[in-house]
Amino acid sequence: MNVLLGNRIKALRNAKGYTQEQLAEQLGVSRQKYARIENGTNSITLDILSKVADILDVTVGDITRVLDETPAVAYRAGDGDGSCDKIFDMLDLFYANKHLYAKIRQKELM
């Protein structure tokens, strides 16, 4: 999941003509930390995701849409790449950011 989001953010960043350094500076993080988000090494919090969306002038949904495009069959195929770990990571991220997500949705609806 982190790789999918990172790739999507990278594509949106490139489309806007930003460098990693420029985006990292606007986020208030080091370029290295930002690069780890893009390559999927670091998990992305909903707070950072929201800030990235604001900087790139897109919605959080525009970034996370890539998760909906991923076939669910890949998790059932038993491809031996830690599918259960991916599911647990997704659940952890969901519960860790549930409250923040509600705030962002309320802000978007205003």
Protein backbone atom coordinates (compact mmCIF):
# COMPACT_ATOMS: atom_id res chain seq x y z
CA MET A 1 0.00 0.00 0.00
CA ASN A 2 2.79 2.45 0.86
CA VAL A 3 4.43 1.82 -2.51
CA LEU A 4 1.17 2.47 -4.36
CA LEU A 5 0.60 5.75 -2.52
CA GLY A 6 4.24 6.74 -2.95
CA ASN A 7 4.12 6.10 -6.69
CA ARG A 8 0.91 8.10 -7.00
CA ILE A 9 2.37 11.02 -5.05
CA LYS A 10 5.51 10.90 -7.18
CA ALA A 11 3.45 10.97 -10.39
CA LEU A 12 1.39 13.93 -9.14
CA ARG A 13 4.54 15.74 -7.98
CA ASN A 14 6.19 15.25 -11.37
CA ALA A 15 3.03 16.40 -13.15
CA LYS A 16 3.15 19.66 -11.16
CA GLY A 17 6.87 20.09 -11.86
CA TYR A 18 8.00 19.96 -8.23
CA THR A 19 11.24 18.39 -7.09
CA GLN A 20 11.46 16.20 -4.01
CA GLU A 21 13.37 18.99 -2.30
CA GLN A 22 10.65 21.54 -2.98
CA LEU A 23 7.87 19.32 -1.71
CA ALA A 24 9.85 18.23 1.34
CA GLU A 25 10.56 21.85 2.22
CA GLN A 26 6.88 22.77 1.99
CA LEU A 27 6.02 19.75 4.16
CA GLY A 28 8.68 20.67 6.70
CA VAL A 29 10.54 17.35 6.41
CA SER A 30 13.93 16.38 5.05
CA ARG A 31 14.27 15.33 1.43
CA GLN A 32 15.40 11.91 2.62
CA LYS A 33 12.26 11.42 4.69
CA TYR A 34 10.12 12.56 1.78
CA ALA A 35 11.99 10.21 -0.59
CA ARG A 36 11.25 7.31 1.79
CA ILE A 37 7.54 8.19 1.60
CA GLU A 38 7.66 8.17 -2.19
CA ASN A 39 9.49 4.85 -2.41
CA GLY A 40 7.17 3.23 0.13
CA THR A 41 9.72 2.67 2.87
CA ASN A 42 7.94 5.01 5.30
CA SER A 43 4.24 4.87 6.02
CA ILE A 44 2.36 8.04 5.23
CA THR A 45 0.07 9.47 7.85
CA LEU A 46 -3.21 11.06 6.96
CA ASP A 47 -1.83 14.37 8.19
CA ILE A 48 1.10 14.26 5.75
CA LEU A 49 -1.22 12.94 3.02
CA SER A 50 -3.49 15.92 3.56
CA LYS A 51 -0.58 18.36 3.41
CA VAL A 52 0.73 16.76 0.20
CA ALA A 53 -2.74 17.03 -1.33
CA ASP A 54 -2.92 20.73 -0.43
CA ILE A 55 0.53 21.44 -1.87
CA LEU A 56 -0.21 19.56 -5.10
CA ASP A 57 -3.69 21.14 -5.32
CA VAL A 58 -5.50 17.80 -5.36
CA THR A 59 -7.79 16.04 -2.90
CA VAL A 60 -6.78 13.20 -0.61
CA GLY A 61 -9.17 11.07 -2.66
CA ASP A 62 -7.20 11.88 -5.82
CA ILE A 63 -4.12 10.39 -4.19
CA THR A 64 -5.75 7.39 -2.53
CA ARG A 65 -7.79 6.49 -5.62
CA VAL A 66 -4.87 4.31 -6.67
CA LEU A 67 -5.75 1.96 -3.79
CA ASP A 68 -9.19 1.38 -5.29
CA GLU A 69 -7.65 0.53 -8.66
CA THR A 70 -5.56 -2.30 -7.19
CA PRO A 71 -7.28 -5.62 -7.75
CA ALA A 72 -8.33 -7.27 -4.50
CA VAL A 73 -7.47 -10.64 -6.04
CA ALA A 74 -3.79 -9.95 -5.45
CA TYR A 75 -4.37 -10.37 -1.70
CA ARG A 76 -6.15 -13.69 -2.21
CA ALA A 77 -3.66 -15.14 -4.65
CA GLY A 78 -1.24 -16.18 -1.91
CA ASP A 79 1.70 -14.82 -3.85
CA GLY A 80 3.92 -15.19 -0.78
CA ASP A 81 4.82 -11.51 -0.52
CA GLY A 82 3.33 -10.94 2.92
CA SER A 83 -0.25 -10.29 1.87
CA CYS A 84 -1.45 -10.57 5.47
CA ASP A 85 1.13 -8.00 6.47
CA LYS A 86 -0.25 -5.62 3.83
CA ILE A 87 -3.76 -6.06 5.19
CA PHE A 88 -2.61 -5.48 8.76
CA ASP A 89 -0.69 -2.37 7.65
CA MET A 90 -3.83 -1.05 5.99
CA LEU A 91 -5.90 -1.71 9.11
CA ASP A 92 -3.30 -0.07 11.36
CA LEU A 93 -3.18 2.97 9.13
CA PHE A 94 -6.97 3.17 9.04
CA TYR A 95 -7.41 3.03 12.80
CA ALA A 96 -4.45 5.31 13.50
CA ASN A 97 -5.88 8.02 11.26
CA LYS A 98 -9.63 7.53 11.71
CA HIS A 99 -10.10 10.65 13.83
CA LEU A 100 -7.93 12.81 11.56
CA TYR A 101 -9.80 11.56 8.51
CA ALA A 102 -13.10 12.68 10.01
CA LYS A 103 -11.67 16.16 10.54
CA ILE A 104 -10.41 16.35 6.97
CA ARG A 105 -13.70 15.17 5.51
CA GLN A 106 -15.54 17.76 7.57
CA LYS A 107 -13.12 20.43 6.31
CA GLU A 108 -13.62 19.32 2.67
CA LEU A 109 -17.40 19.47 3.03
CA MET A 110 -17.31 23.07 4.27
